[in-house]
Amino acid sequence: MPHLDDHRTDPVLAHSPLSLDQIRSGIAHHEAAHAVVAAFLDVPCTRVRVMRVKRGAETGWTGATSYKDAPVSAYGLALIAAAGEHGELCHLAAAGRLTQATRLAARSDHDRDTAISAAAALGFTIVLRGPAPVDPDRGTTWREVTEEAREMVAELWPAISALAQALLSASDFTLTGRQVSGIISRHLR
């Protein structure tokens, strides 16, 4: 499986319309969605974390989810990547904080670009604009991927929410793969 650590290239900065706790909570739900969808597709994670980063004089927050090597299709990789943004958007909506500004802050083009690149390396095409490839075994559209990821996040929301809460309760905002697996297993299957 290609390496899919999730790092935002533009971390949420201190001048966000959200408070620090709200930023961390959104990122925790983003990372939890990656991990839960991956677990649902039998791709175990090794670590999930939310962390503070500095970019020049700015301080922001980002997250990372690491996975074990496991057999997964290019489409599955794309679903895992797309889930993060939907987890964060679902959280923002549930908390009554979904606005145009917070929707833009939750956008994860880095996940999309990583998914498209990883899929291409596996011979699978994900199209951003225009029609899907004729053969569905050879490609799809990003819109189709995100729609299915959105549905998966909605279906798996109890596990995503539980994992995000555990992540926020951890003293260093980090959970091991074993901890993640324990939390998810109580909500899946």
N, C-alpha and C. Protein backbone atom coordinates (compact mmCIF):
# COMPACT_ATOMS: atom_id res chain seq x y z
N MET A 1 0.85 -1.18 0.00
CA MET A 1 0.00 0.00 0.00
C MET A 1 0.89 1.23 0.00
N PRO A 2 0.63 2.19 -0.87
CA PRO A 2 1.40 3.44 -0.86
C PRO A 2 1.27 4.15 0.48
N HIS A 3 2.28 4.89 0.84
CA HIS A 3 2.33 5.61 2.11
C HIS A 3 1.33 6.76 2.07
N LEU A 4 0.39 6.79 3.01
CA LEU A 4 -0.66 7.81 2.99
C LEU A 4 -0.70 8.62 4.29
N ASP A 5 0.45 8.93 4.89
CA ASP A 5 0.41 9.81 6.05
C ASP A 5 -0.31 11.09 5.65
N ASP A 6 -1.16 11.58 6.51
CA ASP A 6 -1.97 12.75 6.20
C ASP A 6 -1.38 13.97 6.89
N HIS A 7 -0.73 14.83 6.13
CA HIS A 7 -0.23 16.09 6.67
C HIS A 7 -0.81 17.23 5.85
N ARG A 8 -1.41 18.16 6.51
CA ARG A 8 -1.89 19.33 5.80
C ARG A 8 -0.72 20.22 5.43
N THR A 9 -0.67 20.62 4.18
CA THR A 9 0.40 21.51 3.78
C THR A 9 0.15 22.92 4.29
N ASP A 10 -1.10 23.24 4.53
CA ASP A 10 -1.47 24.54 5.07
C ASP A 10 -2.24 24.32 6.36
N PRO A 11 -1.55 24.14 7.49
CA PRO A 11 -2.26 23.85 8.73
C PRO A 11 -3.19 25.01 9.13
N VAL A 12 -4.21 24.67 9.89
CA VAL A 12 -5.16 25.68 10.35
C VAL A 12 -4.41 26.63 11.29
N LEU A 13 -4.39 27.88 10.96
CA LEU A 13 -3.61 28.85 11.72
C LEU A 13 -4.44 29.49 12.83
N ALA A 14 -3.76 30.16 13.73
CA ALA A 14 -4.38 30.75 14.91
C ALA A 14 -5.45 31.77 14.56
N HIS A 15 -5.41 32.40 13.39
CA HIS A 15 -6.40 33.42 13.05
C HIS A 15 -7.62 32.82 12.34
N SER A 16 -7.86 31.54 12.52
CA SER A 16 -9.03 30.85 11.98
C SER A 16 -10.30 31.42 12.64
N PRO A 17 -11.46 31.29 11.96
CA PRO A 17 -12.71 31.72 12.60
C PRO A 17 -13.11 30.81 13.77
N LEU A 18 -12.39 29.71 13.96
CA LEU A 18 -12.69 28.76 15.03
C LEU A 18 -11.73 28.95 16.20
N SER A 19 -12.16 28.57 17.38
CA SER A 19 -11.28 28.59 18.54
C SER A 19 -10.27 27.45 18.43
N LEU A 20 -9.25 27.49 19.26
CA LEU A 20 -8.24 26.43 19.28
C LEU A 20 -8.87 25.07 19.53
N ASP A 21 -9.77 24.97 20.50
CA ASP A 21 -10.44 23.70 20.79
C ASP A 21 -11.28 23.23 19.60
N GLN A 22 -11.94 24.15 18.92
CA GLN A 22 -12.75 23.79 17.75
C GLN A 22 -11.88 23.32 16.59
N ILE A 23 -10.73 23.94 16.41
CA ILE A 23 -9.79 23.52 15.37
C ILE A 23 -9.31 22.10 15.65
N ARG A 24 -8.87 21.87 16.87
CA ARG A 24 -8.40 20.53 17.24
C ARG A 24 -9.50 19.49 17.08
N SER A 25 -10.70 19.83 17.46
CA SER A 25 -11.81 18.89 17.35
C SER A 25 -12.10 18.55 15.89
N GLY A 26 -12.07 19.53 15.03
CA GLY A 26 -12.28 19.28 13.60
C GLY A 26 -11.21 18.37 13.03
N ILE A 27 -9.97 18.63 13.39
CA ILE A 27 -8.86 17.80 12.90
C ILE A 27 -8.97 16.39 13.47
N ALA A 28 -9.36 16.27 14.72
CA ALA A 28 -9.52 14.94 15.31
C ALA A 28 -10.58 14.13 14.56
N HIS A 29 -11.67 14.76 14.17
CA HIS A 29 -12.71 14.08 13.41
C HIS A 29 -12.23 13.74 12.00
N HIS A 30 -11.43 14.61 11.42
CA HIS A 30 -10.83 14.38 10.10
C HIS A 30 -9.97 13.11 10.15
N GLU A 31 -9.06 13.06 11.12
CA GLU A 31 -8.15 11.91 11.23
C GLU A 31 -8.90 10.64 11.61
N ALA A 32 -9.88 10.78 12.49
CA ALA A 32 -10.67 9.61 12.90
C ALA A 32 -11.41 9.02 11.70
N ALA A 33 -11.92 9.87 10.82
CA ALA A 33 -12.62 9.37 9.63
C ALA A 33 -11.67 8.58 8.74
N HIS A 34 -10.45 9.07 8.55
CA HIS A 34 -9.46 8.30 7.78
C HIS A 34 -9.29 6.91 8.41
N ALA A 35 -9.05 6.88 9.72
CA ALA A 35 -8.74 5.63 10.41
C ALA A 35 -9.91 4.65 10.41
N VAL A 36 -11.13 5.14 10.61
CA VAL A 36 -12.29 4.26 10.68
C VAL A 36 -12.62 3.69 9.30
N VAL A 37 -12.59 4.52 8.28
CA VAL A 37 -12.85 4.01 6.92
C VAL A 37 -11.76 3.01 6.53
N ALA A 38 -10.52 3.30 6.89
CA ALA A 38 -9.44 2.35 6.61
C ALA A 38 -9.71 1.02 7.32
N ALA A 39 -10.09 1.07 8.59
CA ALA A 39 -10.37 -0.16 9.33
C ALA A 39 -11.53 -0.93 8.69
N PHE A 40 -12.54 -0.21 8.26
CA PHE A 40 -13.68 -0.83 7.59
C PHE A 40 -13.24 -1.57 6.33
N LEU A 41 -12.19 -1.04 5.67
CA LEU A 41 -11.64 -1.66 4.46
C LEU A 41 -10.49 -2.62 4.78
N ASP A 42 -10.35 -2.98 6.06
CA ASP A 42 -9.32 -3.92 6.53
C ASP A 42 -7.90 -3.41 6.33
N VAL A 43 -7.72 -2.10 6.50
CA VAL A 43 -6.39 -1.48 6.49
C VAL A 43 -6.17 -0.90 7.88
N PRO A 44 -5.45 -1.62 8.75
CA PRO A 44 -5.26 -1.12 10.11
C PRO A 44 -4.30 0.08 10.16
N CYS A 45 -4.57 0.96 11.09
CA CYS A 45 -3.65 2.10 11.25
C CYS A 45 -2.68 1.81 12.39
N THR A 46 -1.56 2.48 12.34
CA THR A 46 -0.53 2.29 13.37
C THR A 46 -0.51 3.44 14.36
N ARG A 47 -1.01 4.60 13.94
CA ARG A 47 -1.02 5.76 14.83
C ARG A 47 -1.93 6.83 14.24
N VAL A 48 -2.62 7.53 15.14
CA VAL A 48 -3.44 8.69 14.76
C VAL A 48 -3.06 9.80 15.72
N ARG A 49 -2.84 11.00 15.18
CA ARG A 49 -2.49 12.11 16.08
C ARG A 49 -2.91 13.46 15.53
N VAL A 50 -3.05 14.38 16.45
CA VAL A 50 -3.28 15.80 16.17
C VAL A 50 -2.08 16.51 16.77
N MET A 51 -1.47 17.43 16.01
CA MET A 51 -0.25 18.05 16.51
C MET A 51 -0.15 19.51 16.12
N ARG A 52 0.59 20.24 16.94
CA ARG A 52 0.85 21.65 16.67
C ARG A 52 2.06 21.75 15.75
N VAL A 53 1.99 22.65 14.78
CA VAL A 53 3.10 22.88 13.86
C VAL A 53 3.36 24.37 13.73
N LYS A 54 4.58 24.70 13.36
CA LYS A 54 4.94 26.11 13.12
C LYS A 54 5.33 26.26 11.67
N ARG A 55 4.85 27.28 11.02
CA ARG A 55 5.22 27.66 9.66
C ARG A 55 5.67 29.11 9.74
N GLY A 56 6.97 29.31 9.82
CA GLY A 56 7.48 30.66 10.01
C GLY A 56 7.06 31.18 11.36
N ALA A 57 6.42 32.34 11.38
CA ALA A 57 5.97 32.94 12.64
C ALA A 57 4.59 32.44 13.05
N GLU A 58 3.93 31.68 12.17
CA GLU A 58 2.57 31.20 12.43
C GLU A 58 2.58 29.84 13.12
N THR A 59 1.64 29.65 14.02
CA THR A 59 1.44 28.35 14.65
C THR A 59 0.09 27.82 14.22
N GLY A 60 0.05 26.56 13.87
CA GLY A 60 -1.20 25.95 13.44
C GLY A 60 -1.31 24.54 13.95
N TRP A 61 -2.33 23.85 13.53
CA TRP A 61 -2.59 22.48 13.94
C TRP A 61 -2.79 21.62 12.72
N THR A 62 -2.36 20.40 12.79
CA THR A 62 -2.52 19.45 11.71
C THR A 62 -2.72 18.07 12.31
N GLY A 63 -2.88 17.08 11.47
CA GLY A 63 -3.06 15.73 11.94
C GLY A 63 -2.33 14.75 11.05
N ALA A 64 -2.14 13.55 11.55
CA ALA A 64 -1.50 12.50 10.76
C ALA A 64 -2.08 11.15 11.15
N THR A 65 -2.33 10.35 10.15
CA THR A 65 -2.78 8.98 10.35
C THR A 65 -1.85 8.09 9.55
N SER A 66 -1.26 7.11 10.20
CA SER A 66 -0.33 6.18 9.55
C SER A 66 -0.96 4.80 9.50
N TYR A 67 -0.64 4.05 8.45
CA TYR A 67 -1.27 2.76 8.21
C TYR A 67 -0.24 1.65 8.08
N LYS A 68 -0.68 0.42 8.39
CA LYS A 68 0.13 -0.76 8.11
C LYS A 68 -0.01 -1.07 6.63
N ASP A 69 1.01 -1.70 6.07
CA ASP A 69 0.88 -2.17 4.69
C ASP A 69 -0.19 -3.25 4.67
N ALA A 70 -1.15 -3.08 3.79
CA ALA A 70 -2.24 -4.05 3.66
C ALA A 70 -2.74 -4.00 2.23
N PRO A 71 -3.21 -5.11 1.72
CA PRO A 71 -3.75 -5.08 0.36
C PRO A 71 -5.03 -4.26 0.32
N VAL A 72 -5.05 -3.29 -0.55
CA VAL A 72 -6.24 -2.46 -0.73
C VAL A 72 -6.23 -1.94 -2.16
N SER A 73 -7.39 -1.80 -2.74
CA SER A 73 -7.50 -1.33 -4.12
C SER A 73 -7.20 0.16 -4.19
N ALA A 74 -6.94 0.62 -5.40
CA ALA A 74 -6.74 2.06 -5.62
C ALA A 74 -8.00 2.83 -5.22
N TYR A 75 -9.15 2.26 -5.51
CA TYR A 75 -10.40 2.91 -5.14
C TYR A 75 -10.53 2.97 -3.62
N GLY A 76 -10.13 1.91 -2.93
CA GLY A 76 -10.15 1.91 -1.47
C GLY A 76 -9.24 2.97 -0.89
N LEU A 77 -8.05 3.12 -1.48
CA LEU A 77 -7.14 4.19 -1.04
C LEU A 77 -7.82 5.55 -1.17
N ALA A 78 -8.50 5.74 -2.28
CA ALA A 78 -9.18 7.02 -2.52
C ALA A 78 -10.29 7.25 -1.50
N LEU A 79 -11.03 6.21 -1.15
CA LEU A 79 -12.09 6.35 -0.14
C LEU A 79 -11.51 6.75 1.21
N ILE A 80 -10.39 6.12 1.58
CA ILE A 80 -9.74 6.47 2.85
C ILE A 80 -9.32 7.93 2.83
N ALA A 81 -8.73 8.36 1.73
CA ALA A 81 -8.27 9.75 1.62
C ALA A 81 -9.44 10.73 1.68
N ALA A 82 -10.51 10.44 0.97
CA ALA A 82 -11.66 11.35 0.91
C ALA A 82 -12.43 11.41 2.22
N ALA A 83 -12.35 10.38 3.02
CA ALA A 83 -13.14 10.32 4.26
C ALA A 83 -12.79 11.44 5.23
N GLY A 84 -11.53 11.85 5.29
CA GLY A 84 -11.12 12.86 6.26
C GLY A 84 -11.91 14.15 6.16
N GLU A 85 -11.98 14.69 4.96
CA GLU A 85 -12.72 15.93 4.78
C GLU A 85 -14.18 15.77 5.19
N HIS A 86 -14.79 14.65 4.83
CA HIS A 86 -16.20 14.44 5.19
C HIS A 86 -16.39 14.27 6.68
N GLY A 87 -15.41 13.66 7.35
CA GLY A 87 -15.49 13.56 8.81
C GLY A 87 -15.47 14.93 9.46
N GLU A 88 -14.60 15.79 8.97
CA GLU A 88 -14.52 17.15 9.52
C GLU A 88 -15.77 17.95 9.20
N LEU A 89 -16.28 17.83 7.98
CA LEU A 89 -17.50 18.56 7.60
C LEU A 89 -18.71 18.07 8.41
N CYS A 90 -18.80 16.78 8.61
CA CYS A 90 -19.91 16.22 9.40
C CYS A 90 -19.85 16.74 10.83
N HIS A 91 -18.64 16.79 11.39
CA HIS A 91 -18.46 17.31 12.74
C HIS A 91 -18.86 18.79 12.81
N LEU A 92 -18.40 19.57 11.85
CA LEU A 92 -18.73 21.00 11.84
C LEU A 92 -20.25 21.21 11.74
N ALA A 93 -20.91 20.42 10.90
CA ALA A 93 -22.36 20.53 10.76
C ALA A 93 -23.06 20.16 12.06
N ALA A 94 -22.64 19.05 12.68
CA ALA A 94 -23.26 18.61 13.93
C ALA A 94 -23.07 19.63 15.04
N ALA A 95 -21.94 20.34 15.02
CA ALA A 95 -21.65 21.34 16.05
C ALA A 95 -22.24 22.71 15.72
N GLY A 96 -22.93 22.84 14.58
CA GLY A 96 -23.51 24.12 14.18
C GLY A 96 -22.48 25.13 13.74
N ARG A 97 -21.33 24.67 13.27
CA ARG A 97 -20.25 25.58 12.87
C ARG A 97 -19.92 25.51 11.38
N LEU A 98 -20.78 24.91 10.60
CA LEU A 98 -20.50 24.79 9.17
C LEU A 98 -20.88 26.08 8.46
N THR A 99 -19.89 26.82 8.04
CA THR A 99 -20.07 28.06 7.28
C THR A 99 -19.20 27.95 6.03
N GLN A 100 -19.30 28.92 5.16
CA GLN A 100 -18.44 28.93 3.98
C GLN A 100 -16.96 28.96 4.39
N ALA A 101 -16.63 29.74 5.41
CA ALA A 101 -15.24 29.85 5.86
C ALA A 101 -14.74 28.54 6.47
N THR A 102 -15.57 27.89 7.30
CA THR A 102 -15.11 26.63 7.90
C THR A 102 -15.11 25.50 6.88
N ARG A 103 -16.01 25.55 5.92
CA ARG A 103 -16.00 24.55 4.84
C ARG A 103 -14.70 24.65 4.05
N LEU A 104 -14.26 25.85 3.77
CA LEU A 104 -12.99 26.04 3.05
C LEU A 104 -11.80 25.57 3.89
N ALA A 105 -11.84 25.84 5.19
CA ALA A 105 -10.75 25.41 6.07
C ALA A 105 -10.68 23.89 6.15
N ALA A 106 -11.80 23.20 5.98
CA ALA A 106 -11.83 21.74 6.06
C ALA A 106 -11.42 21.07 4.75
N ARG A 107 -11.35 21.84 3.67
CA ARG A 107 -10.98 21.26 2.38
C ARG A 107 -9.63 20.57 2.47
N SER A 108 -9.56 19.40 1.90
CA SER A 108 -8.30 18.67 1.98
C SER A 108 -7.83 18.25 0.58
N ASP A 109 -7.41 19.24 -0.17
CA ASP A 109 -6.88 18.98 -1.50
C ASP A 109 -5.65 18.08 -1.43
N HIS A 110 -4.91 18.15 -0.32
CA HIS A 110 -3.73 17.29 -0.16
C HIS A 110 -4.13 15.82 -0.15
N ASP A 111 -5.24 15.48 0.49
CA ASP A 111 -5.72 14.10 0.50
C ASP A 111 -6.14 13.68 -0.91
N ARG A 112 -6.87 14.55 -1.59
CA ARG A 112 -7.31 14.26 -2.96
C ARG A 112 -6.12 14.04 -3.88
N ASP A 113 -5.14 14.94 -3.81
CA ASP A 113 -3.98 14.84 -4.69
C ASP A 113 -3.17 13.58 -4.39
N THR A 114 -3.04 13.23 -3.12
CA THR A 114 -2.34 12.00 -2.74
C THR A 114 -3.07 10.78 -3.28
N ALA A 115 -4.39 10.78 -3.17
CA ALA A 115 -5.20 9.65 -3.65
C ALA A 115 -5.07 9.50 -5.16
N ILE A 116 -5.13 10.60 -5.88
CA ILE A 116 -5.03 10.55 -7.34
C ILE A 116 -3.67 10.03 -7.76
N SER A 117 -2.64 10.49 -7.10
CA SER A 117 -1.28 10.06 -7.42
C SER A 117 -1.07 8.58 -7.09
N ALA A 118 -1.52 8.15 -5.91
CA ALA A 118 -1.37 6.75 -5.50
C ALA A 118 -2.16 5.83 -6.44
N ALA A 119 -3.36 6.25 -6.82
CA ALA A 119 -4.18 5.45 -7.73
C ALA A 119 -3.50 5.33 -9.09
N ALA A 120 -2.96 6.43 -9.58
CA ALA A 120 -2.27 6.41 -10.88
C ALA A 120 -1.09 5.44 -10.85
N ALA A 121 -0.37 5.41 -9.72
CA ALA A 121 0.76 4.49 -9.59
C ALA A 121 0.31 3.03 -9.65
N LEU A 122 -0.96 2.80 -9.32
CA LEU A 122 -1.52 1.45 -9.37
C LEU A 122 -2.29 1.19 -10.66
N GLY A 123 -2.20 2.13 -11.62
CA GLY A 123 -2.86 1.95 -12.91
C GLY A 123 -4.34 2.28 -12.92
N PHE A 124 -4.80 3.08 -11.96
CA PHE A 124 -6.21 3.44 -11.83
C PHE A 124 -6.32 4.95 -11.98
N THR A 125 -7.22 5.42 -12.82
CA THR A 125 -7.37 6.85 -13.10
C THR A 125 -8.53 7.43 -12.30
N ILE A 126 -8.25 8.53 -11.60
CA ILE A 126 -9.32 9.28 -10.93
C ILE A 126 -9.38 10.64 -11.61
N VAL A 127 -10.51 10.93 -12.22
CA VAL A 127 -10.70 12.14 -13.01
C VAL A 127 -11.31 13.24 -12.15
N LEU A 128 -10.71 14.43 -12.19
CA LEU A 128 -11.26 15.57 -11.44
C LEU A 128 -12.43 16.22 -12.18
N ARG A 129 -12.28 16.39 -13.46
CA ARG A 129 -13.32 17.02 -14.28
C ARG A 129 -13.54 16.18 -15.51
N GLY A 130 -14.78 16.12 -15.93
CA GLY A 130 -15.08 15.34 -17.12
C GLY A 130 -15.59 13.96 -16.76
N PRO A 131 -15.87 13.19 -17.80
CA PRO A 131 -16.46 11.86 -17.58
C PRO A 131 -15.45 10.86 -17.02
N ALA A 132 -15.99 9.86 -16.36
CA ALA A 132 -15.16 8.77 -15.83
C ALA A 132 -14.66 7.92 -16.99
N PRO A 133 -13.56 7.24 -16.77
CA PRO A 133 -13.11 6.29 -17.80
C PRO A 133 -14.22 5.28 -18.10
N VAL A 134 -14.26 4.79 -19.34
CA VAL A 134 -15.31 3.88 -19.77
C VAL A 134 -15.31 2.61 -18.94
N ASP A 135 -14.15 2.07 -18.63
CA ASP A 135 -14.04 0.84 -17.86
C ASP A 135 -13.97 1.18 -16.37
N PRO A 136 -15.01 0.84 -15.58
CA PRO A 136 -15.00 1.19 -14.15
C PRO A 136 -13.89 0.49 -13.36
N ASP A 137 -13.32 -0.57 -13.91
CA ASP A 137 -12.19 -1.23 -13.24
C ASP A 137 -10.88 -0.48 -13.46
N ARG A 138 -10.89 0.50 -14.35
CA ARG A 138 -9.67 1.26 -14.66
C ARG A 138 -9.72 2.69 -14.15
N GLY A 139 -10.90 3.14 -13.67
CA GLY A 139 -10.96 4.50 -13.16
C GLY A 139 -12.35 4.95 -12.77
N THR A 140 -12.39 6.15 -12.19
CA THR A 140 -13.64 6.75 -11.72
C THR A 140 -13.45 8.26 -11.65
N THR A 141 -14.46 8.97 -11.17
CA THR A 141 -14.33 10.41 -10.96
C THR A 141 -14.13 10.67 -9.46
N TRP A 142 -13.49 11.79 -9.14
CA TRP A 142 -13.34 12.17 -7.74
C TRP A 142 -14.70 12.41 -7.10
N ARG A 143 -15.64 12.90 -7.87
CA ARG A 143 -16.99 13.13 -7.36
C ARG A 143 -17.61 11.82 -6.87
N GLU A 144 -17.44 10.74 -7.64
CA GLU A 144 -17.98 9.44 -7.24
C GLU A 144 -17.29 8.95 -5.96
N VAL A 145 -15.99 9.13 -5.89
CA VAL A 145 -15.25 8.73 -4.69
C VAL A 145 -15.76 9.49 -3.48
N THR A 146 -15.89 10.81 -3.60
CA THR A 146 -16.29 11.61 -2.44
C THR A 146 -17.73 11.32 -2.02
N GLU A 147 -18.60 11.03 -2.98
CA GLU A 147 -19.98 10.69 -2.61
C GLU A 147 -20.02 9.40 -1.80
N GLU A 148 -19.27 8.39 -2.23
CA GLU A 148 -19.25 7.15 -1.48
C GLU A 148 -18.58 7.34 -0.12
N ALA A 149 -17.51 8.13 -0.08
CA ALA A 149 -16.84 8.40 1.20
C ALA A 149 -17.79 9.14 2.16
N ARG A 150 -18.56 10.08 1.64
CA ARG A 150 -19.52 10.82 2.47
C ARG A 150 -20.54 9.86 3.07
N GLU A 151 -21.04 8.91 2.26
CA GLU A 151 -22.00 7.93 2.74
C GLU A 151 -21.37 7.01 3.79
N MET A 152 -20.12 6.62 3.57
CA MET A 152 -19.43 5.76 4.54
C MET A 152 -19.25 6.49 5.87
N VAL A 153 -18.86 7.75 5.80
CA VAL A 153 -18.67 8.53 7.03
C VAL A 153 -19.99 8.62 7.79
N ALA A 154 -21.08 8.86 7.09
CA ALA A 154 -22.38 8.93 7.76
C ALA A 154 -22.72 7.59 8.43
N GLU A 155 -22.48 6.50 7.73
CA GLU A 155 -22.78 5.17 8.25
C GLU A 155 -21.88 4.80 9.44
N LEU A 156 -20.63 5.24 9.38
CA LEU A 156 -19.64 4.88 10.40
C LEU A 156 -19.47 5.96 11.47
N TRP A 157 -20.36 6.93 11.49
CA TRP A 157 -20.21 8.09 12.37
C TRP A 157 -20.03 7.73 13.85
N PRO A 158 -20.75 6.78 14.41
CA PRO A 158 -20.52 6.48 15.83
C PRO A 158 -19.07 6.08 16.13
N ALA A 159 -18.45 5.29 15.27
CA ALA A 159 -17.05 4.91 15.47
C ALA A 159 -16.13 6.11 15.28
N ILE A 160 -16.41 6.93 14.28
CA ILE A 160 -15.59 8.11 14.02
C ILE A 160 -15.65 9.07 15.20
N SER A 161 -16.85 9.31 15.69
CA SER A 161 -17.03 10.22 16.82
C SER A 161 -16.34 9.70 18.07
N ALA A 162 -16.47 8.40 18.35
CA ALA A 162 -15.82 7.80 19.53
C ALA A 162 -14.30 7.90 19.42
N LEU A 163 -13.76 7.65 18.23
CA LEU A 163 -12.32 7.72 18.05
C LEU A 163 -11.83 9.17 18.18
N ALA A 164 -12.57 10.11 17.63
CA ALA A 164 -12.18 11.52 17.75
C ALA A 164 -12.18 11.97 19.21
N GLN A 165 -13.18 11.56 19.96
CA GLN A 165 -13.24 11.94 21.38
C GLN A 165 -12.07 11.34 22.16
N ALA A 166 -11.73 10.09 21.86
CA ALA A 166 -10.58 9.47 22.53
C ALA A 166 -9.29 10.19 22.16
N LEU A 167 -9.16 10.59 20.92
CA LEU A 167 -7.97 11.31 20.46
C LEU A 167 -7.85 12.65 21.19
N LEU A 168 -8.97 13.35 21.34
CA LEU A 168 -8.95 14.64 22.04
C LEU A 168 -8.70 14.47 23.54
N SER A 169 -9.04 13.32 24.09
CA SER A 169 -8.83 13.06 25.52
C SER A 169 -7.41 12.59 25.82
N ALA A 170 -6.69 12.14 24.82
CA ALA A 170 -5.32 11.67 25.03
C ALA A 170 -4.43 12.87 25.39
N SER A 171 -3.55 12.69 26.35
CA SER A 171 -2.73 13.80 26.85
C SER A 171 -1.87 14.43 25.76
N ASP A 172 -1.42 13.65 24.80
CA ASP A 172 -0.60 14.19 23.71
C ASP A 172 -1.34 14.15 22.37
N PHE A 173 -2.65 13.99 22.40
CA PHE A 173 -3.48 13.93 21.19
C PHE A 173 -3.00 12.86 20.22
N THR A 174 -2.51 11.74 20.77
CA THR A 174 -1.99 10.65 19.96
C THR A 174 -2.53 9.32 20.47
N LEU A 175 -2.95 8.45 19.53
CA LEU A 175 -3.38 7.10 19.86
C LEU A 175 -2.57 6.10 19.05
N THR A 176 -2.21 5.01 19.67
CA THR A 176 -1.49 3.94 18.98
C THR A 176 -2.48 3.14 18.14
N GLY A 177 -1.94 2.34 17.25
CA GLY A 177 -2.79 1.47 16.44
C GLY A 177 -3.62 0.54 17.29
N ARG A 178 -3.04 0.02 18.35
CA ARG A 178 -3.77 -0.89 19.25
C ARG A 178 -4.94 -0.16 19.91
N GLN A 179 -4.72 1.06 20.39
CA GLN A 179 -5.79 1.84 21.00
C GLN A 179 -6.90 2.12 19.98
N VAL A 180 -6.49 2.52 18.77
CA VAL A 180 -7.45 2.81 17.70
C VAL A 180 -8.28 1.58 17.39
N SER A 181 -7.62 0.45 17.24
CA SER A 181 -8.31 -0.79 16.93
C SER A 181 -9.33 -1.15 18.01
N GLY A 182 -8.97 -0.98 19.27
CA GLY A 182 -9.88 -1.29 20.36
C GLY A 182 -11.13 -0.43 20.33
N ILE A 183 -10.94 0.85 20.06
CA ILE A 183 -12.09 1.78 20.01
C ILE A 183 -12.97 1.46 18.82
N ILE A 184 -12.37 1.27 17.65
CA ILE A 184 -13.14 1.02 16.44
C ILE A 184 -13.87 -0.31 16.53
N SER A 185 -13.23 -1.33 17.07
CA SER A 185 -13.84 -2.67 17.11
C SER A 185 -15.14 -2.68 17.91
N ARG A 186 -15.28 -1.79 18.87
CA ARG A 186 -16.52 -1.72 19.65
C ARG A 186 -17.67 -1.15 18.82
N HIS A 187 -17.36 -0.53 17.68
CA HIS A 187 -18.40 0.11 16.88
C HIS A 187 -18.60 -0.49 15.49
N LEU A 188 -17.68 -1.32 15.03
CA LEU A 188 -17.78 -1.92 13.71
C LEU A 188 -18.13 -3.38 13.81
N ARG A 189 -18.86 -3.84 12.84
CA ARG A 189 -19.24 -5.25 12.63
C ARG A 189 -20.03 -5.78 13.73
